[in-house]
Protein backbone atom coordinates (compact mmCIF):
# COMPACT_ATOMS: atom_id res chain seq x y z
CA MET A 1 88.83 110.22 97.02
CA PRO A 2 92.33 111.70 96.98
CA TYR A 3 95.12 109.95 98.80
CA ASP A 4 97.64 112.16 100.59
CA SER A 5 101.12 111.09 99.56
CA ASN A 6 104.26 112.90 100.59
CA PRO A 7 106.66 113.19 97.67
CA GLY A 8 109.44 114.35 99.93
CA ASP A 9 109.67 111.27 102.09
CA SER A 10 111.24 108.89 99.56
CA GLY A 11 107.90 107.34 98.77
CA ASN A 12 106.84 106.41 102.29
CA LEU A 13 103.08 106.65 102.56
CA SER A 14 102.02 106.89 106.15
CA SER A 15 98.29 107.38 106.35
CA GLY A 16 94.97 106.74 104.67
CA VAL A 17 92.82 108.83 102.38
CA ALA A 18 93.66 112.50 102.70
CA ASP A 19 91.35 114.93 104.45
CA LYS A 20 88.27 112.81 103.94
CA GLY A 21 87.75 110.86 107.15
CA PRO A 22 84.83 108.47 107.59
CA SER A 23 81.66 109.22 105.73
CA SER A 24 79.37 111.40 107.84
CA ARG A 25 76.67 108.78 107.43
CA PHE A 26 78.70 106.37 109.55
CA ALA A 27 80.52 108.82 111.82
CA ASP A 28 78.72 107.44 114.89
CA LEU A 29 80.07 103.90 114.52
CA THR A 30 81.68 102.63 117.70
CA GLN A 31 85.32 101.60 117.75
CA ARG A 32 84.23 98.01 118.21
CA ALA A 33 82.11 98.19 115.07
CA ARG A 34 84.99 99.75 113.16
CA ASP A 35 87.35 96.99 114.30
CA VAL A 36 84.90 94.31 113.18
CA LEU A 37 84.32 95.98 109.81
CA GLU A 38 88.06 96.39 109.25
CA ALA A 39 88.67 92.72 110.01
CA VAL A 40 85.88 91.62 107.68
CA VAL A 41 87.16 93.78 104.80
CA ASN A 42 90.77 92.67 105.28
CA THR A 43 89.70 89.02 105.31
CA TYR A 44 87.51 89.54 102.26
CA VAL A 45 90.44 91.11 100.38
CA ALA A 46 92.73 88.24 101.36
CA THR A 47 90.37 85.31 100.79
CA GLY A 48 87.15 86.44 99.11
CA ALA A 49 85.24 84.24 101.57
CA PRO A 50 82.45 85.21 104.00
CA VAL A 51 83.63 85.79 107.56
CA GLY A 52 81.93 84.04 110.50
CA SER A 53 81.58 85.46 114.00
CA LYS A 54 83.42 82.57 115.69
CA TRP A 55 86.45 82.88 113.42
CA LEU A 56 86.39 86.66 113.78
CA ALA A 57 86.26 86.48 117.60
CA GLU A 58 89.40 84.33 117.54
CA ARG A 59 91.15 86.66 115.12
CA LEU A 60 90.39 89.87 116.98
CA GLY A 61 91.63 88.37 120.22
CA SER A 62 89.89 91.08 122.22
CA GLY A 63 87.99 88.81 124.59
CA LEU A 64 84.74 89.35 122.71
CA SER A 65 82.47 86.32 122.42
CA SER A 66 81.19 85.14 119.07
CA ALA A 67 77.69 86.15 120.22
CA THR A 68 78.88 89.72 120.78
CA ILE A 69 80.58 89.71 117.37
CA ARG A 70 77.35 88.45 115.76
CA HIS A 71 75.46 91.32 117.36
CA VAL A 72 77.97 93.86 116.05
CA MET A 73 77.90 92.31 112.58
CA ALA A 74 74.11 92.40 112.56
CA GLY A 75 74.27 96.11 113.33
CA LEU A 76 76.73 96.67 110.49
CA GLU A 77 74.42 94.73 108.19
CA GLU A 78 71.50 96.96 109.17
CA ARG A 79 73.63 100.00 108.30
CA GLY A 80 74.36 98.57 104.86
CA LEU A 81 78.06 97.94 105.48
CA LEU A 82 77.93 94.12 105.59
CA GLN A 83 75.82 91.54 103.82
CA ALA A 84 75.10 87.83 104.22
CA PRO A 85 75.36 85.94 100.92
CA HIS A 86 73.43 83.00 102.41
CA VAL A 87 71.33 82.57 105.53
CA SER A 88 73.85 80.33 107.29
CA ALA A 89 76.99 81.97 105.86
CA GLY A 90 79.21 84.58 107.39
CA ARG A 91 79.31 88.20 106.28
CA LEU A 92 80.90 90.01 103.36
CA PRO A 93 81.42 93.76 103.08
CA THR A 94 79.09 95.67 100.81
CA GLU A 95 80.38 98.27 98.38
CA ALA A 96 79.51 100.91 100.98
CA GLY A 97 81.46 98.95 103.57
CA VAL A 98 84.57 98.81 101.41
CA ARG A 99 84.26 102.51 100.63
CA PHE A 100 83.97 103.39 104.31
CA PHE A 101 87.00 101.21 105.03
CA VAL A 102 89.05 102.99 102.36
CA GLU A 103 87.92 106.46 103.46
CA GLY A 104 88.40 106.11 107.18
CA LEU A 105 90.08 102.87 108.28
CA LEU A 106 92.71 102.01 105.71
CA GLU A 107 96.36 102.31 106.70
CA VAL A 108 98.98 102.35 103.97
CA GLY A 109 102.65 101.84 104.66
CA ALA A 110 105.83 102.25 102.67
CA LEU A 111 106.43 100.60 99.35
CA GLY A 112 109.05 97.86 99.54
CA GLU A 113 112.48 98.44 98.04
CA GLU A 114 112.07 95.50 95.68
CA ASP A 115 108.90 97.01 94.21
CA LYS A 116 110.55 100.43 93.97
CA ASN A 117 113.54 99.02 92.14
CA CYS A 118 111.29 97.10 89.74
CA LEU A 119 109.21 100.17 88.92
CA GLU A 120 112.23 102.42 88.48
CA ALA A 121 113.94 99.91 86.21
CA GLN A 122 110.89 99.51 83.98
CA CYS A 123 109.55 103.08 83.94
CA ALA A 124 112.69 105.21 83.86
CA GLY A 125 114.85 103.36 81.37
CA ALA A 126 117.55 105.55 79.83
CA GLY A 127 117.02 106.26 76.16
CA GLN A 128 113.36 105.26 76.15
CA SER A 129 110.74 107.51 74.62
CA LEU A 130 107.75 108.54 76.71
CA PRO A 131 105.44 105.99 75.00
CA GLN A 132 107.95 103.25 75.79
CA ARG A 133 108.13 104.31 79.43
CA LEU A 134 104.36 104.43 79.69
CA ALA A 135 103.98 101.00 78.10
CA GLN A 136 106.49 99.64 80.61
CA ALA A 137 104.66 101.36 83.47
CA THR A 138 101.38 99.73 82.42
CA LYS A 139 103.03 96.32 82.30
CA ALA A 140 104.76 96.82 85.66
CA LEU A 141 101.58 97.94 87.43
CA ALA A 142 99.63 94.99 86.04
CA GLY A 143 102.29 92.56 87.19
CA LEU A 144 102.91 94.00 90.65
CA SER A 145 99.26 94.63 91.50
CA SER A 146 97.87 91.42 89.92
CA HIS A 147 95.14 93.59 88.35
CA ALA A 148 94.86 95.57 85.14
CA GLY A 149 97.36 98.40 84.76
CA LEU A 150 96.33 101.52 82.89
CA VAL A 151 98.19 104.57 81.67
CA LEU A 152 96.77 107.69 80.07
CA ALA A 153 99.30 108.95 77.53
CA PRO A 154 99.34 112.71 76.85
CA LYS A 155 97.97 114.37 73.76
CA LEU A 156 100.46 114.98 70.98
CA ASP A 157 99.04 118.42 70.21
CA ARG A 158 101.84 120.39 71.82
CA PRO A 159 104.25 123.02 70.46
CA LEU A 160 106.91 121.28 68.38
CA GLN A 161 110.68 121.55 68.64
CA LYS A 162 111.81 119.24 65.87
CA ILE A 163 110.72 116.70 63.26
CA GLU A 164 113.24 114.31 61.80
CA PHE A 165 113.12 111.50 59.23
CA VAL A 166 115.50 108.61 59.83
CA GLY A 167 115.99 105.83 57.30
CA LEU A 168 115.73 102.34 58.78
CA ASP A 169 116.15 100.31 55.60
CA SER A 170 115.28 100.57 51.92
CA THR A 171 111.52 100.77 52.50
CA ARG A 172 111.02 102.02 56.08
CA VAL A 173 111.45 105.47 57.57
CA LEU A 174 111.24 106.48 61.24
CA VAL A 175 109.50 109.81 61.81
CA VAL A 176 110.68 111.36 65.09
CA LEU A 177 108.69 114.20 66.63
CA VAL A 178 110.04 116.15 69.61
CA THR A 179 107.78 118.61 71.43
CA ALA A 180 108.96 121.86 72.96
CA ASP A 181 108.60 120.39 76.45
CA GLY A 182 110.81 117.40 75.62
CA LEU A 183 108.35 114.62 74.83
CA VAL A 184 109.53 112.29 72.07
CA GLU A 185 107.20 110.31 69.80
CA ASN A 186 108.05 108.22 66.78
CA ARG A 187 106.21 106.42 64.02
CA ILE A 188 107.38 104.09 61.23
CA LEU A 189 106.41 104.76 57.62
CA SER A 190 106.53 102.19 54.85
CA LEU A 191 107.56 103.74 51.54
CA PRO A 192 108.62 102.50 48.10
CA GLN A 193 112.29 101.92 47.51
CA GLY A 194 114.33 104.86 46.36
CA VAL A 195 114.06 107.26 49.31
CA ASP A 196 117.60 108.52 49.80
CA ALA A 197 119.29 110.47 52.59
CA GLU A 198 118.85 113.77 50.76
CA ALA A 199 115.09 113.32 50.57
CA LEU A 200 114.97 112.57 54.32
CA VAL A 201 116.92 115.73 55.14
CA ASN A 202 114.85 117.88 52.79
CA ALA A 203 111.54 116.57 54.15
CA GLY A 204 112.62 117.30 57.71
CA ALA A 205 113.85 120.79 56.82
CA TYR A 206 110.62 121.60 54.96
CA LEU A 207 108.43 120.66 57.94
CA ASN A 208 110.69 122.21 60.57
CA ARG A 209 110.58 125.61 58.81
CA ARG A 210 106.80 125.56 59.06
CA LEU A 211 106.08 123.71 62.29
CA VAL A 212 108.74 124.47 64.90
CA GLY A 213 107.24 126.42 67.80
CA ARG A 214 103.69 125.69 66.68
CA ARG A 215 101.10 123.00 67.34
CA LEU A 216 100.54 120.47 64.61
CA SER A 217 96.79 121.08 64.69
CA GLU A 218 97.36 124.80 64.10
CA ALA A 219 99.85 124.44 61.25
CA ARG A 220 98.81 121.29 59.43
CA GLY A 221 96.35 122.94 57.05
CA GLU A 222 98.87 125.65 56.26
CA VAL A 223 101.56 123.07 55.43
CA GLU A 224 99.16 121.14 53.21
CA GLU A 225 98.32 124.35 51.36
CA SER A 226 102.05 125.06 50.93
CA LEU A 227 102.50 121.61 49.40
CA ARG A 228 99.76 122.31 46.89
CA ARG A 229 101.14 125.76 46.08
CA ASP A 230 104.89 125.00 45.99
CA ARG A 231 104.91 121.98 43.73
CA THR A 232 108.30 122.80 42.26
CA GLU A 233 110.10 123.12 45.59
CA LEU A 234 110.13 119.40 46.39
CA ASP A 235 110.72 116.33 44.29
CA SER A 236 108.08 113.59 44.32
CA LEU A 237 109.74 111.39 46.97
CA THR A 238 110.38 114.28 49.34
CA ARG A 239 106.80 115.48 48.85
CA ARG A 240 105.50 112.03 49.69
CA LEU A 241 107.64 111.91 52.81
CA VAL A 242 106.20 115.23 53.96
CA GLU A 243 102.63 114.14 53.22
CA GLU A 244 103.04 110.76 54.93
CA GLY A 245 104.81 112.39 57.86
CA LEU A 246 101.85 114.69 58.40
CA ALA A 247 99.27 111.98 57.88
CA VAL A 248 100.79 109.59 60.39
CA TRP A 249 100.07 112.07 63.17
CA ALA A 250 96.55 112.89 61.99
CA GLY A 251 94.02 112.33 64.74
CA ALA A 252 96.65 111.23 67.25
CA GLN A 253 97.02 114.77 68.60
CA ASP A 254 93.30 115.21 69.22
CA ARG A 255 92.82 112.89 72.17
CA PRO A 256 94.92 111.09 74.76
CA GLN A 257 95.53 107.38 74.46
CA LEU A 258 94.57 104.91 77.18
CA LEU A 259 96.96 101.98 77.44
CA VAL A 260 95.66 98.95 79.35
CA ARG A 261 97.53 95.76 80.18
CA GLY A 262 96.22 92.75 82.04
CA GLN A 263 92.52 93.00 81.11
CA ALA A 264 92.24 89.22 81.43
CA ARG A 265 93.03 89.55 85.14
CA LEU A 266 89.66 91.27 85.59
CA LEU A 267 87.89 88.05 84.64
CA ARG A 268 90.01 85.81 86.84
CA ASP A 269 87.86 85.96 89.96
CA MET A 270 84.52 86.58 88.27
CA THR A 271 82.03 83.75 88.67
CA ALA A 272 78.57 85.30 88.32
CA LEU A 273 77.31 85.87 84.77
CA GLU A 274 76.40 89.48 85.54
CA ASP A 275 79.97 90.16 86.72
CA VAL A 276 81.41 88.76 83.49
CA GLU A 277 78.96 90.85 81.44
CA ARG A 278 79.92 94.02 83.32
CA ILE A 279 83.61 93.39 82.72
CA GLN A 280 82.94 92.77 79.03
CA SER A 281 81.11 96.08 78.90
CA LEU A 282 84.11 97.71 80.53
CA MET A 283 86.49 96.22 77.97
CA ASP A 284 84.29 97.60 75.19
CA ALA A 285 84.54 101.05 76.78
CA LEU A 286 88.31 100.76 76.95
CA GLU A 287 88.49 99.87 73.27
CA THR A 288 86.22 102.71 72.09
CA GLY A 289 88.07 105.44 73.95
CA GLU A 290 85.10 106.30 76.17
CA ALA A 291 87.14 105.40 79.25
CA ALA A 292 90.01 107.68 78.21
CA SER A 293 87.68 110.68 78.06
CA ARG A 294 86.38 109.94 81.54
CA LEU A 295 89.88 109.51 82.90
CA VAL A 296 90.92 112.86 81.43
CA ARG A 297 88.13 114.58 83.31
CA ALA A 298 88.95 112.74 86.54
CA VAL A 299 92.63 113.73 86.61
CA ALA A 300 92.36 117.22 85.10
CA GLU A 301 92.39 118.88 88.51
CA ALA A 302 93.83 115.96 90.47
CA GLU A 303 96.35 116.24 93.28
CA GLY A 304 97.88 112.98 94.37
CA VAL A 305 96.36 109.52 94.20
CA GLN A 306 92.64 109.32 93.51
CA ILE A 307 90.69 106.31 94.81
CA TYR A 308 87.34 105.39 93.31
CA VAL A 309 85.47 102.46 94.84
CA GLY A 310 82.79 100.52 92.98
CA SER A 311 79.82 102.47 91.65
CA ALA A 312 81.35 105.70 92.94
CA THR A 313 83.82 105.36 90.09
CA PRO A 314 83.04 108.03 87.47
CA LEU A 315 85.36 106.30 84.99
CA PHE A 316 83.79 102.85 84.71
CA ASP A 317 80.58 103.11 86.71
CA HIS A 318 78.85 100.40 84.71
CA ALA A 319 81.46 97.79 85.58
CA GLY A 320 81.42 97.73 89.38
CA CYS A 321 85.21 97.98 89.55
CA SER A 322 87.55 100.08 91.66
CA VAL A 323 90.17 102.39 90.21
CA ILE A 324 93.27 103.83 91.84
CA VAL A 325 94.85 106.50 89.66
CA ALA A 326 97.47 109.24 90.01
CA PRO A 327 98.34 112.06 87.61
CA TYR A 328 101.86 112.73 86.35
CA HIS A 329 103.16 116.08 85.19
CA ASP A 330 105.74 117.51 82.84
CA LYS A 331 108.72 119.68 83.78
CA ASP A 332 106.42 122.73 84.01
CA ARG A 333 104.25 120.92 86.59
CA ARG A 334 101.34 120.59 84.17
CA VAL A 335 99.29 117.41 84.45
CA ILE A 336 99.66 115.62 81.11
CA GLY A 337 98.54 112.06 81.91
CA ALA A 338 97.83 109.48 84.57
CA VAL A 339 98.76 105.99 85.69
CA GLY A 340 96.63 103.60 87.65
CA VAL A 341 95.26 100.17 88.46
CA LEU A 342 91.81 98.88 87.61
CA GLY A 343 90.52 95.94 89.60
CA PRO A 344 87.55 94.40 91.39
CA LEU A 345 86.02 95.71 94.58
CA ARG A 346 88.11 93.09 96.36
CA MET A 347 91.43 94.86 95.81
CA ASP A 348 94.42 95.08 98.12
CA TYR A 349 94.16 98.87 98.43
CA ALA A 350 96.98 99.11 100.97
CA ARG A 351 99.40 97.61 98.44
CA VAL A 352 98.09 99.16 95.24
CA ILE A 353 97.92 102.78 96.44
CA PRO A 354 101.68 103.18 97.01
CA LEU A 355 102.41 101.28 93.77
CA VAL A 356 100.39 103.80 91.78
CA ASP A 357 101.76 106.79 93.68
CA PHE A 358 105.38 105.77 93.20
CA THR A 359 104.90 104.94 89.50
CA ALA A 360 103.43 108.38 88.81
CA ARG A 361 106.38 110.03 90.55
CA VAL A 362 108.93 107.91 88.67
CA ILE A 363 107.42 109.02 85.36
CA ALA A 364 107.25 112.67 86.44
CA ARG A 365 110.85 112.51 87.63
CA ALA A 366 111.97 111.13 84.26
CA LEU A 367 110.15 113.95 82.46
CA GLU A 368 111.90 116.49 84.69
CA GLY A 369 115.30 115.09 83.84
CA GLY A 370 115.72 113.05 87.03
CA THR A 371 115.67 116.00 89.42
CA ALA A 372 112.38 115.48 91.27
CA PRO A 373 112.55 113.67 94.63
CA LEU A 374 111.22 110.16 95.01
């Protein structure tokens, strides 16, 4: 479900899910039924407790009796939008009820200035590399949403602009890789003592002559063959620098990386054993990279915020969670990753949607050199 954000309005989100409207299955619901369902879902999000007809009649303040409310709730239960956890309890929304609420009833307002300032400070820090910004974005989303924050980092297999070796101390070297579209990655190598400044310069020059303007995956085999063939061109330390510099990127360029912070928050409100087991299964998927592959497919053609509720979630369908995710793009407007929040069905969608939307635009703006509107 895509959410229609307006990047030109300084981050003010004014409506619900874009161009979707209520599910056709429930298009004939009366306004009274919609009001009751909306109140039940909002109460469920706020408290997690079943909602009784008497309390709901007082809250709605529309002059409806509790008997009338009970009749409406019974109808919603028959349609599969509400459920009664116990015979004498009030009602809770079903997954279908929450999805209908998000599709057709949810209203999302502007993100507060305090939240905006926090996200900008953590995600757009001057001098930070893209991985550092993304790590900060994950942390910020987890903290502000009170759920798990996730960020899909882009593949490293992009045309290269520069590789540089920087000595940190007598045994550690920083390998800096800059792509043609301005992304910066770095790795630390541990090497024996004796690597001097000349070896660092020579190793960088050797790789730059062979890699600049090309993808690492395309040129790696060729460089390795050159190393085997040109044994007299480099001394042993410089050769080792080149070999280690290549090896440290091996595999990293083949798939995107999914960063997740706040996984423990997913267990916070789980009480049933089956819920805990589903979340554990989800965590296993996050660790194996299965979730990253699914997220890549979900955002490949994405426009704006995508909202996946419960079992409709193609990313983590075995976990019964909801995901709100938005793609971010590079300076050429190509989608290269995504940011989002992963949480339970009982999520404050009205708050989380603008958080995710604004975070994606902060990252995109940083990649464009600070020129895109927020």
